[in-house]
Amino acid sequence: MSEYSWPGENGRHVPDAASAWSETVRALPVGTRVVGEVVGRRPFGVFLAFDDCPRAVGLARIDRMPSCMELPTVGQRVTGEVVWHADHNHQVGVVLGEWTEHEDLLPRFRVGQVVGGRVTKIASIGVFVRLADCVEGLVPLTRLPAPAESFRQGHEMSVQIVSVDRERRQILLACPLP
């Protein structure tokens, strides 16, 4: 099976969401906690079948997904909360529980701060260092105290934050002076 599929391509019955739309909106108002299964996966999000409302079609869009997470796979059980209704295509918008519980740690980092991290990748442009869950930064070659080849993946090191671009989710690092 491809990484992406529409709900009907996974051997699962696709409900006629249009005929049940009024019932769906009553049964699943905004704020309702839902449990279900991923029945389709697209680059823009995942389609859900709900346990308590089998004729409804849910959609969890990636614009609500933390950038460091991945879409759940077809067949995976998920929980979430209803956040919108789309009358034009009879879909129930859902934010998945694992997405809402995820804390964005990027705002904790400030220019000038010296922090510890672990090397995750050695590249031709420098060394990538994981500072926290879902937060990595780059120490460019020009800011390394030794050639990049002298670093090893998994190596712990101290780095100083040179810049933080919150919009692009990028952190530029340097090795602090001794």
N, C-alpha and C. Protein backbone atom coordinates (compact mmCIF):
# COMPACT_ATOMS: atom_id res chain seq x y z
N MET A 1 0.84 -1.18 0.00
CA MET A 1 0.00 0.00 0.00
C MET A 1 0.88 1.25 0.00
N SER A 2 0.45 2.25 -0.73
CA SER A 2 1.16 3.52 -0.81
C SER A 2 1.11 4.23 0.54
N GLU A 3 2.04 5.16 0.73
CA GLU A 3 2.05 5.97 1.95
C GLU A 3 0.74 6.77 2.07
N TYR A 4 0.16 7.14 0.92
CA TYR A 4 -1.06 7.92 0.90
C TYR A 4 -2.20 7.13 0.27
N SER A 5 -3.40 7.34 0.79
CA SER A 5 -4.57 6.68 0.24
C SER A 5 -5.81 7.46 0.64
N TRP A 6 -6.88 7.25 -0.12
CA TRP A 6 -8.19 7.81 0.23
C TRP A 6 -8.90 6.79 1.10
N PRO A 7 -9.87 7.20 1.89
CA PRO A 7 -10.54 6.26 2.79
C PRO A 7 -11.06 4.99 2.12
N GLY A 8 -11.68 5.07 0.95
CA GLY A 8 -12.24 3.90 0.29
C GLY A 8 -11.22 2.93 -0.26
N GLU A 9 -9.95 3.32 -0.30
CA GLU A 9 -8.90 2.48 -0.88
C GLU A 9 -8.30 1.50 0.11
N ASN A 10 -8.79 1.48 1.34
CA ASN A 10 -8.20 0.64 2.38
C ASN A 10 -9.10 -0.50 2.81
N GLY A 11 -10.04 -0.87 1.93
CA GLY A 11 -10.92 -1.99 2.24
C GLY A 11 -11.96 -1.67 3.29
N ARG A 12 -12.14 -0.41 3.56
CA ARG A 12 -13.10 0.00 4.58
C ARG A 12 -14.26 0.72 3.91
N HIS A 13 -15.47 0.45 4.37
CA HIS A 13 -16.65 1.11 3.83
C HIS A 13 -16.59 2.60 4.11
N VAL A 14 -16.83 3.40 3.07
CA VAL A 14 -16.85 4.84 3.24
C VAL A 14 -18.32 5.25 3.43
N PRO A 15 -18.64 5.86 4.55
CA PRO A 15 -20.03 6.22 4.81
C PRO A 15 -20.51 7.34 3.88
N ASP A 16 -21.81 7.41 3.71
CA ASP A 16 -22.43 8.51 2.97
C ASP A 16 -22.61 9.65 3.96
N ALA A 17 -21.56 10.43 4.13
CA ALA A 17 -21.55 11.49 5.15
C ALA A 17 -22.60 12.55 4.87
N ALA A 18 -22.93 12.79 3.61
CA ALA A 18 -23.90 13.82 3.27
C ALA A 18 -25.29 13.49 3.82
N SER A 19 -25.71 12.23 3.71
CA SER A 19 -27.05 11.87 4.17
C SER A 19 -27.16 11.89 5.69
N ALA A 20 -26.04 11.82 6.38
CA ALA A 20 -26.06 11.81 7.84
C ALA A 20 -25.54 13.12 8.43
N TRP A 21 -25.40 14.17 7.60
CA TRP A 21 -24.74 15.38 8.05
C TRP A 21 -25.43 16.05 9.24
N SER A 22 -26.74 16.22 9.19
CA SER A 22 -27.46 16.86 10.31
C SER A 22 -27.25 16.08 11.60
N GLU A 23 -27.38 14.77 11.49
CA GLU A 23 -27.17 13.89 12.66
C GLU A 23 -25.73 14.02 13.18
N THR A 24 -24.77 14.08 12.27
CA THR A 24 -23.36 14.19 12.64
C THR A 24 -23.09 15.48 13.41
N VAL A 25 -23.59 16.60 12.91
CA VAL A 25 -23.35 17.89 13.56
C VAL A 25 -23.95 17.90 14.97
N ARG A 26 -25.14 17.28 15.12
CA ARG A 26 -25.76 17.19 16.46
C ARG A 26 -24.95 16.29 17.39
N ALA A 27 -24.48 15.17 16.85
CA ALA A 27 -23.77 14.18 17.69
C ALA A 27 -22.34 14.60 18.02
N LEU A 28 -21.74 15.42 17.15
CA LEU A 28 -20.34 15.79 17.33
C LEU A 28 -20.16 17.31 17.29
N PRO A 29 -20.71 18.03 18.27
CA PRO A 29 -20.52 19.48 18.28
C PRO A 29 -19.05 19.83 18.55
N VAL A 30 -18.68 21.06 18.19
CA VAL A 30 -17.32 21.53 18.46
C VAL A 30 -17.03 21.36 19.95
N GLY A 31 -15.86 20.84 20.25
CA GLY A 31 -15.45 20.58 21.63
C GLY A 31 -15.62 19.14 22.07
N THR A 32 -16.31 18.32 21.26
CA THR A 32 -16.53 16.91 21.60
C THR A 32 -15.23 16.12 21.49
N ARG A 33 -14.96 15.30 22.49
CA ARG A 33 -13.81 14.38 22.44
C ARG A 33 -14.21 13.19 21.60
N VAL A 34 -13.34 12.76 20.70
CA VAL A 34 -13.64 11.65 19.80
C VAL A 34 -12.52 10.61 19.84
N VAL A 35 -12.91 9.38 19.51
CA VAL A 35 -11.97 8.27 19.39
C VAL A 35 -12.28 7.60 18.06
N GLY A 36 -11.26 7.21 17.34
CA GLY A 36 -11.51 6.56 16.07
C GLY A 36 -10.27 5.96 15.47
N GLU A 37 -10.39 5.66 14.19
CA GLU A 37 -9.32 4.99 13.45
C GLU A 37 -9.01 5.79 12.19
N VAL A 38 -7.72 5.85 11.85
CA VAL A 38 -7.30 6.50 10.62
C VAL A 38 -7.68 5.57 9.46
N VAL A 39 -8.49 6.09 8.51
CA VAL A 39 -8.95 5.28 7.38
C VAL A 39 -8.41 5.78 6.04
N GLY A 40 -7.72 6.90 6.05
CA GLY A 40 -7.11 7.43 4.84
C GLY A 40 -6.02 8.42 5.22
N ARG A 41 -5.02 8.53 4.36
CA ARG A 41 -3.88 9.40 4.67
C ARG A 41 -3.49 10.15 3.41
N ARG A 42 -3.46 11.46 3.49
CA ARG A 42 -3.11 12.32 2.37
C ARG A 42 -2.03 13.30 2.82
N PRO A 43 -1.34 13.98 1.89
CA PRO A 43 -0.32 14.95 2.30
C PRO A 43 -0.88 16.09 3.15
N PHE A 44 -2.17 16.35 3.07
CA PHE A 44 -2.77 17.45 3.82
C PHE A 44 -3.36 17.01 5.16
N GLY A 45 -3.40 15.70 5.46
CA GLY A 45 -3.93 15.24 6.74
C GLY A 45 -4.41 13.81 6.67
N VAL A 46 -5.16 13.40 7.70
CA VAL A 46 -5.69 12.04 7.77
C VAL A 46 -7.21 12.07 7.92
N PHE A 47 -7.86 11.07 7.29
CA PHE A 47 -9.29 10.90 7.42
C PHE A 47 -9.56 9.92 8.55
N LEU A 48 -10.62 10.17 9.29
CA LEU A 48 -10.93 9.38 10.47
C LEU A 48 -12.33 8.79 10.40
N ALA A 49 -12.49 7.59 10.94
CA ALA A 49 -13.79 6.98 11.19
C ALA A 49 -13.96 6.98 12.71
N PHE A 50 -15.06 7.54 13.19
CA PHE A 50 -15.29 7.68 14.64
C PHE A 50 -16.02 6.48 15.21
N ASP A 51 -15.61 6.06 16.39
CA ASP A 51 -16.26 4.93 17.06
C ASP A 51 -17.74 5.22 17.34
N ASP A 52 -18.05 6.39 17.87
CA ASP A 52 -19.41 6.70 18.30
C ASP A 52 -20.28 7.34 17.24
N CYS A 53 -19.77 7.54 16.07
CA CYS A 53 -20.54 8.18 14.99
C CYS A 53 -20.04 7.62 13.65
N PRO A 54 -20.38 6.35 13.35
CA PRO A 54 -19.79 5.66 12.21
C PRO A 54 -20.13 6.24 10.83
N ARG A 55 -21.15 7.08 10.74
CA ARG A 55 -21.51 7.64 9.44
C ARG A 55 -20.78 8.97 9.18
N ALA A 56 -19.99 9.43 10.11
CA ALA A 56 -19.27 10.69 9.97
C ALA A 56 -17.89 10.45 9.37
N VAL A 57 -17.36 11.47 8.72
CA VAL A 57 -15.99 11.45 8.21
C VAL A 57 -15.24 12.60 8.87
N GLY A 58 -14.14 12.27 9.53
CA GLY A 58 -13.33 13.29 10.18
C GLY A 58 -12.08 13.58 9.38
N LEU A 59 -11.53 14.77 9.59
CA LEU A 59 -10.27 15.14 8.95
C LEU A 59 -9.40 15.87 9.95
N ALA A 60 -8.21 15.36 10.16
CA ALA A 60 -7.20 16.05 10.97
C ALA A 60 -6.17 16.60 9.99
N ARG A 61 -6.12 17.92 9.85
CA ARG A 61 -5.25 18.57 8.85
C ARG A 61 -3.86 18.82 9.42
N ILE A 62 -2.86 18.79 8.52
CA ILE A 62 -1.48 18.98 8.97
C ILE A 62 -1.20 20.39 9.44
N ASP A 63 -2.04 21.36 9.09
CA ASP A 63 -1.78 22.73 9.57
C ASP A 63 -1.98 22.83 11.08
N ARG A 64 -2.50 21.79 11.70
CA ARG A 64 -2.65 21.73 13.15
C ARG A 64 -1.61 20.80 13.79
N MET A 65 -0.74 20.22 12.98
CA MET A 65 0.22 19.23 13.46
C MET A 65 1.55 19.90 13.79
N PRO A 66 2.13 19.61 14.96
CA PRO A 66 3.46 20.14 15.26
C PRO A 66 4.46 19.71 14.19
N SER A 67 5.35 20.61 13.82
CA SER A 67 6.25 20.38 12.69
C SER A 67 7.17 19.17 12.86
N CYS A 68 7.42 18.75 14.08
CA CYS A 68 8.34 17.64 14.28
C CYS A 68 7.63 16.29 14.34
N MET A 69 6.32 16.29 14.23
CA MET A 69 5.57 15.04 14.32
C MET A 69 5.23 14.53 12.93
N GLU A 70 4.76 13.29 12.86
CA GLU A 70 4.36 12.70 11.59
C GLU A 70 2.88 12.34 11.66
N LEU A 71 2.28 12.24 10.48
CA LEU A 71 0.89 11.82 10.42
C LEU A 71 0.76 10.39 10.91
N PRO A 72 -0.33 10.08 11.62
CA PRO A 72 -0.55 8.69 12.00
C PRO A 72 -0.82 7.85 10.75
N THR A 73 -0.60 6.56 10.84
CA THR A 73 -0.76 5.66 9.71
C THR A 73 -2.17 5.10 9.64
N VAL A 74 -2.54 4.61 8.47
CA VAL A 74 -3.84 3.98 8.28
C VAL A 74 -3.95 2.80 9.25
N GLY A 75 -5.09 2.73 9.93
CA GLY A 75 -5.32 1.66 10.90
C GLY A 75 -4.98 2.07 12.33
N GLN A 76 -4.25 3.14 12.49
CA GLN A 76 -3.86 3.59 13.83
C GLN A 76 -5.06 4.17 14.56
N ARG A 77 -5.19 3.85 15.85
CA ARG A 77 -6.25 4.39 16.70
C ARG A 77 -5.79 5.75 17.23
N VAL A 78 -6.70 6.72 17.21
CA VAL A 78 -6.37 8.08 17.65
C VAL A 78 -7.49 8.65 18.50
N THR A 79 -7.15 9.68 19.26
CA THR A 79 -8.14 10.46 20.01
C THR A 79 -7.98 11.91 19.59
N GLY A 80 -9.01 12.68 19.79
CA GLY A 80 -8.92 14.08 19.43
C GLY A 80 -10.13 14.87 19.89
N GLU A 81 -10.24 16.08 19.37
CA GLU A 81 -11.34 16.97 19.70
C GLU A 81 -11.86 17.62 18.44
N VAL A 82 -13.18 17.68 18.31
CA VAL A 82 -13.82 18.32 17.17
C VAL A 82 -13.57 19.83 17.26
N VAL A 83 -13.09 20.44 16.16
CA VAL A 83 -12.79 21.88 16.16
C VAL A 83 -13.55 22.65 15.08
N TRP A 84 -14.15 21.96 14.10
CA TRP A 84 -14.95 22.64 13.09
C TRP A 84 -15.81 21.63 12.34
N HIS A 85 -16.79 22.19 11.60
CA HIS A 85 -17.63 21.40 10.69
C HIS A 85 -17.56 22.07 9.32
N ALA A 86 -17.42 21.28 8.27
CA ALA A 86 -17.37 21.81 6.91
C ALA A 86 -18.62 21.34 6.16
N ASP A 87 -19.61 22.21 6.08
CA ASP A 87 -20.87 21.86 5.42
C ASP A 87 -20.69 21.51 3.95
N HIS A 88 -19.75 22.19 3.27
CA HIS A 88 -19.61 21.98 1.83
C HIS A 88 -19.13 20.58 1.45
N ASN A 89 -18.36 19.93 2.32
CA ASN A 89 -17.90 18.56 2.00
C ASN A 89 -18.21 17.56 3.11
N HIS A 90 -19.03 17.97 4.08
CA HIS A 90 -19.53 17.09 5.14
C HIS A 90 -18.41 16.42 5.93
N GLN A 91 -17.44 17.23 6.33
CA GLN A 91 -16.33 16.73 7.14
C GLN A 91 -16.34 17.38 8.51
N VAL A 92 -15.86 16.61 9.47
CA VAL A 92 -15.71 17.08 10.84
C VAL A 92 -14.22 17.30 11.07
N GLY A 93 -13.83 18.52 11.40
CA GLY A 93 -12.43 18.82 11.65
C GLY A 93 -12.03 18.41 13.05
N VAL A 94 -10.88 17.79 13.15
CA VAL A 94 -10.40 17.26 14.42
C VAL A 94 -8.95 17.66 14.64
N VAL A 95 -8.62 18.02 15.88
CA VAL A 95 -7.22 18.17 16.28
C VAL A 95 -6.91 16.94 17.12
N LEU A 96 -5.89 16.20 16.73
CA LEU A 96 -5.54 14.98 17.44
C LEU A 96 -4.96 15.28 18.81
N GLY A 97 -5.27 14.43 19.77
CA GLY A 97 -4.81 14.62 21.14
C GLY A 97 -3.31 14.71 21.26
N GLU A 98 -2.58 13.87 20.54
CA GLU A 98 -1.11 13.90 20.63
C GLU A 98 -0.55 15.22 20.11
N TRP A 99 -1.27 15.89 19.23
CA TRP A 99 -0.82 17.18 18.71
C TRP A 99 -1.05 18.28 19.72
N THR A 100 -2.19 18.26 20.42
CA THR A 100 -2.49 19.32 21.38
C THR A 100 -1.66 19.19 22.64
N GLU A 101 -1.25 17.97 22.96
CA GLU A 101 -0.46 17.73 24.17
C GLU A 101 1.02 18.02 23.95
N HIS A 102 1.42 18.22 22.70
CA HIS A 102 2.82 18.45 22.37
C HIS A 102 3.19 19.91 22.67
N GLU A 103 4.21 20.08 23.46
CA GLU A 103 4.66 21.43 23.80
C GLU A 103 5.74 21.88 22.82
N ASP A 104 5.58 23.08 22.27
CA ASP A 104 6.57 23.65 21.38
C ASP A 104 7.67 24.26 22.24
N LEU A 105 8.84 23.67 22.21
CA LEU A 105 9.95 24.12 23.06
C LEU A 105 10.81 25.21 22.42
N LEU A 106 10.60 25.49 21.14
CA LEU A 106 11.41 26.50 20.46
C LEU A 106 11.42 27.86 21.17
N PRO A 107 10.27 28.36 21.66
CA PRO A 107 10.28 29.68 22.32
C PRO A 107 11.17 29.77 23.57
N ARG A 108 11.58 28.66 24.11
CA ARG A 108 12.43 28.68 25.31
C ARG A 108 13.86 29.13 25.02
N PHE A 109 14.26 29.09 23.76
CA PHE A 109 15.64 29.37 23.41
C PHE A 109 15.83 30.83 23.02
N ARG A 110 16.89 31.45 23.58
CA ARG A 110 17.16 32.87 23.39
C ARG A 110 18.58 33.08 22.87
N VAL A 111 18.75 34.12 22.08
CA VAL A 111 20.07 34.48 21.55
C VAL A 111 21.03 34.73 22.71
N GLY A 112 22.23 34.18 22.60
CA GLY A 112 23.26 34.33 23.62
C GLY A 112 23.28 33.21 24.63
N GLN A 113 22.21 32.46 24.73
CA GLN A 113 22.09 31.36 25.69
C GLN A 113 23.07 30.24 25.31
N VAL A 114 23.72 29.66 26.32
CA VAL A 114 24.59 28.50 26.11
C VAL A 114 23.85 27.28 26.65
N VAL A 115 23.68 26.27 25.79
CA VAL A 115 22.93 25.07 26.14
C VAL A 115 23.68 23.82 25.71
N GLY A 116 23.31 22.72 26.29
CA GLY A 116 23.87 21.43 25.90
C GLY A 116 23.00 20.77 24.86
N GLY A 117 23.62 19.97 24.02
CA GLY A 117 22.87 19.25 23.00
C GLY A 117 23.62 18.02 22.54
N ARG A 118 23.00 17.30 21.64
CA ARG A 118 23.58 16.06 21.12
C ARG A 118 23.63 16.16 19.59
N VAL A 119 24.78 15.82 19.01
CA VAL A 119 24.94 15.85 17.56
C VAL A 119 24.02 14.81 16.92
N THR A 120 23.22 15.27 15.94
CA THR A 120 22.31 14.36 15.25
C THR A 120 22.75 14.06 13.83
N LYS A 121 23.51 15.01 13.24
CA LYS A 121 23.92 14.81 11.85
C LYS A 121 25.14 15.67 11.55
N ILE A 122 26.06 15.09 10.79
CA ILE A 122 27.22 15.82 10.28
C ILE A 122 26.97 16.00 8.79
N ALA A 123 26.93 17.25 8.34
CA ALA A 123 26.62 17.54 6.93
C ALA A 123 27.71 18.41 6.33
N SER A 124 27.63 18.61 5.03
CA SER A 124 28.64 19.42 4.34
C SER A 124 28.58 20.88 4.76
N ILE A 125 27.48 21.32 5.35
CA ILE A 125 27.34 22.72 5.78
C ILE A 125 27.65 22.92 7.26
N GLY A 126 27.77 21.83 8.01
CA GLY A 126 28.06 21.95 9.43
C GLY A 126 27.53 20.77 10.23
N VAL A 127 27.30 21.02 11.52
CA VAL A 127 26.86 19.97 12.44
C VAL A 127 25.49 20.35 13.00
N PHE A 128 24.54 19.41 12.91
CA PHE A 128 23.22 19.62 13.49
C PHE A 128 23.21 19.08 14.91
N VAL A 129 22.62 19.87 15.82
CA VAL A 129 22.61 19.53 17.24
C VAL A 129 21.18 19.59 17.76
N ARG A 130 20.72 18.51 18.40
CA ARG A 130 19.39 18.49 19.01
C ARG A 130 19.48 19.14 20.38
N LEU A 131 18.69 20.20 20.57
CA LEU A 131 18.70 20.94 21.82
C LEU A 131 17.59 20.49 22.76
N ALA A 132 16.49 20.00 22.19
CA ALA A 132 15.34 19.53 22.96
C ALA A 132 14.46 18.72 22.02
N ASP A 133 13.41 18.15 22.55
CA ASP A 133 12.47 17.40 21.74
C ASP A 133 11.95 18.30 20.62
N CYS A 134 12.18 17.92 19.38
CA CYS A 134 11.73 18.64 18.18
C CYS A 134 12.46 19.96 17.96
N VAL A 135 13.58 20.19 18.59
CA VAL A 135 14.33 21.43 18.39
C VAL A 135 15.78 21.08 18.05
N GLU A 136 16.16 21.42 16.80
CA GLU A 136 17.54 21.22 16.37
C GLU A 136 18.09 22.53 15.85
N GLY A 137 19.37 22.67 15.94
CA GLY A 137 20.04 23.84 15.41
C GLY A 137 21.25 23.42 14.60
N LEU A 138 21.80 24.38 13.86
CA LEU A 138 22.97 24.12 13.02
C LEU A 138 24.15 24.94 13.49
N VAL A 139 25.28 24.26 13.65
CA VAL A 139 26.55 24.94 13.86
C VAL A 139 27.24 24.91 12.50
N PRO A 140 27.30 26.04 11.80
CA PRO A 140 27.95 26.06 10.47
C PRO A 140 29.44 25.75 10.59
N LEU A 141 30.01 25.29 9.51
CA LEU A 141 31.43 24.96 9.49
C LEU A 141 32.30 26.10 10.02
N THR A 142 31.93 27.33 9.69
CA THR A 142 32.73 28.49 10.10
C THR A 142 32.69 28.74 11.60
N ARG A 143 31.78 28.11 12.30
CA ARG A 143 31.64 28.32 13.75
C ARG A 143 32.03 27.08 14.56
N LEU A 144 32.64 26.12 13.88
CA LEU A 144 33.11 24.91 14.57
C LEU A 144 34.56 25.09 14.99
N PRO A 145 34.95 24.60 16.17
CA PRO A 145 36.33 24.73 16.62
C PRO A 145 37.27 23.72 15.96
N ALA A 146 36.70 22.73 15.27
CA ALA A 146 37.49 21.69 14.61
C ALA A 146 36.74 21.27 13.34
N PRO A 147 37.38 20.52 12.45
CA PRO A 147 36.69 20.06 11.25
C PRO A 147 35.45 19.23 11.61
N ALA A 148 34.43 19.32 10.78
CA ALA A 148 33.17 18.61 11.04
C ALA A 148 33.40 17.10 11.22
N GLU A 149 34.39 16.57 10.52
CA GLU A 149 34.67 15.13 10.60
C GLU A 149 35.11 14.70 12.00
N SER A 150 35.55 15.63 12.82
CA SER A 150 35.99 15.27 14.17
C SER A 150 34.81 15.10 15.13
N PHE A 151 33.60 15.44 14.69
CA PHE A 151 32.40 15.24 15.51
C PHE A 151 31.75 13.92 15.14
N ARG A 152 31.06 13.34 16.09
CA ARG A 152 30.38 12.06 15.88
C ARG A 152 28.91 12.19 16.26
N GLN A 153 28.08 11.50 15.52
CA GLN A 153 26.66 11.46 15.85
C GLN A 153 26.50 10.91 17.26
N GLY A 154 25.66 11.56 18.06
CA GLY A 154 25.45 11.16 19.45
C GLY A 154 26.36 11.88 20.42
N HIS A 155 27.40 12.56 19.94
CA HIS A 155 28.35 13.30 20.77
C HIS A 155 27.62 14.46 21.46
N GLU A 156 27.82 14.61 22.76
CA GLU A 156 27.23 15.74 23.49
C GLU A 156 28.18 16.92 23.43
N MET A 157 27.59 18.11 23.30
CA MET A 157 28.42 19.30 23.22
C MET A 157 27.63 20.52 23.70
N SER A 158 28.36 21.54 24.11
CA SER A 158 27.76 22.83 24.48
C SER A 158 27.77 23.72 23.26
N VAL A 159 26.68 24.46 23.08
CA VAL A 159 26.58 25.39 21.96
C VAL A 159 25.96 26.70 22.44
N GLN A 160 26.25 27.76 21.71
CA GLN A 160 25.67 29.06 22.02
C GLN A 160 24.70 29.43 20.90
N ILE A 161 23.55 29.96 21.27
CA ILE A 161 22.53 30.32 20.29
C ILE A 161 22.89 31.68 19.69
N VAL A 162 23.04 31.72 18.37
CA VAL A 162 23.40 32.93 17.64
C VAL A 162 22.14 33.63 17.13
N SER A 163 21.18 32.86 16.62
CA SER A 163 19.92 33.44 16.15
C SER A 163 18.82 32.40 16.21
N VAL A 164 17.58 32.89 16.36
CA VAL A 164 16.39 32.03 16.39
C VAL A 164 15.38 32.63 15.42
N ASP A 165 15.05 31.88 14.38
CA ASP A 165 14.03 32.30 13.42
C ASP A 165 12.79 31.46 13.71
N ARG A 166 11.87 32.03 14.48
CA ARG A 166 10.67 31.29 14.91
C ARG A 166 9.76 30.94 13.73
N GLU A 167 9.66 31.82 12.77
CA GLU A 167 8.78 31.58 11.62
C GLU A 167 9.26 30.39 10.80
N ARG A 168 10.56 30.33 10.53
CA ARG A 168 11.13 29.24 9.74
C ARG A 168 11.58 28.07 10.61
N ARG A 169 11.45 28.24 11.93
CA ARG A 169 11.82 27.20 12.91
C ARG A 169 13.28 26.78 12.74
N GLN A 170 14.17 27.78 12.65
CA GLN A 170 15.59 27.51 12.49
C GLN A 170 16.38 28.21 13.59
N ILE A 171 17.39 27.49 14.09
CA ILE A 171 18.29 28.05 15.10
C ILE A 171 19.71 27.93 14.58
N LEU A 172 20.43 29.04 14.63
CA LEU A 172 21.83 29.08 14.24
C LEU A 172 22.65 29.02 15.52
N LEU A 173 23.65 28.16 15.54
CA LEU A 173 24.46 27.92 16.74
C LEU A 173 25.93 28.20 16.46
N ALA A 174 26.67 28.32 17.55
CA ALA A 174 28.13 28.43 17.51
C ALA A 174 28.67 27.67 18.71
N CYS A 175 29.90 27.29 18.63
CA CYS A 175 30.55 26.68 19.79
C CYS A 175 31.05 27.83 20.66
N PRO A 176 30.70 27.83 21.95
CA PRO A 176 31.13 28.94 22.81
C PRO A 176 32.64 28.95 23.01
N LEU A 177 33.16 30.14 23.23
CA LEU A 177 34.59 30.25 23.49
C LEU A 177 34.89 29.67 24.85
N PRO A 178 36.05 29.02 24.98
CA PRO A 178 36.40 28.39 26.28
C PRO A 178 36.62 29.41 27.38
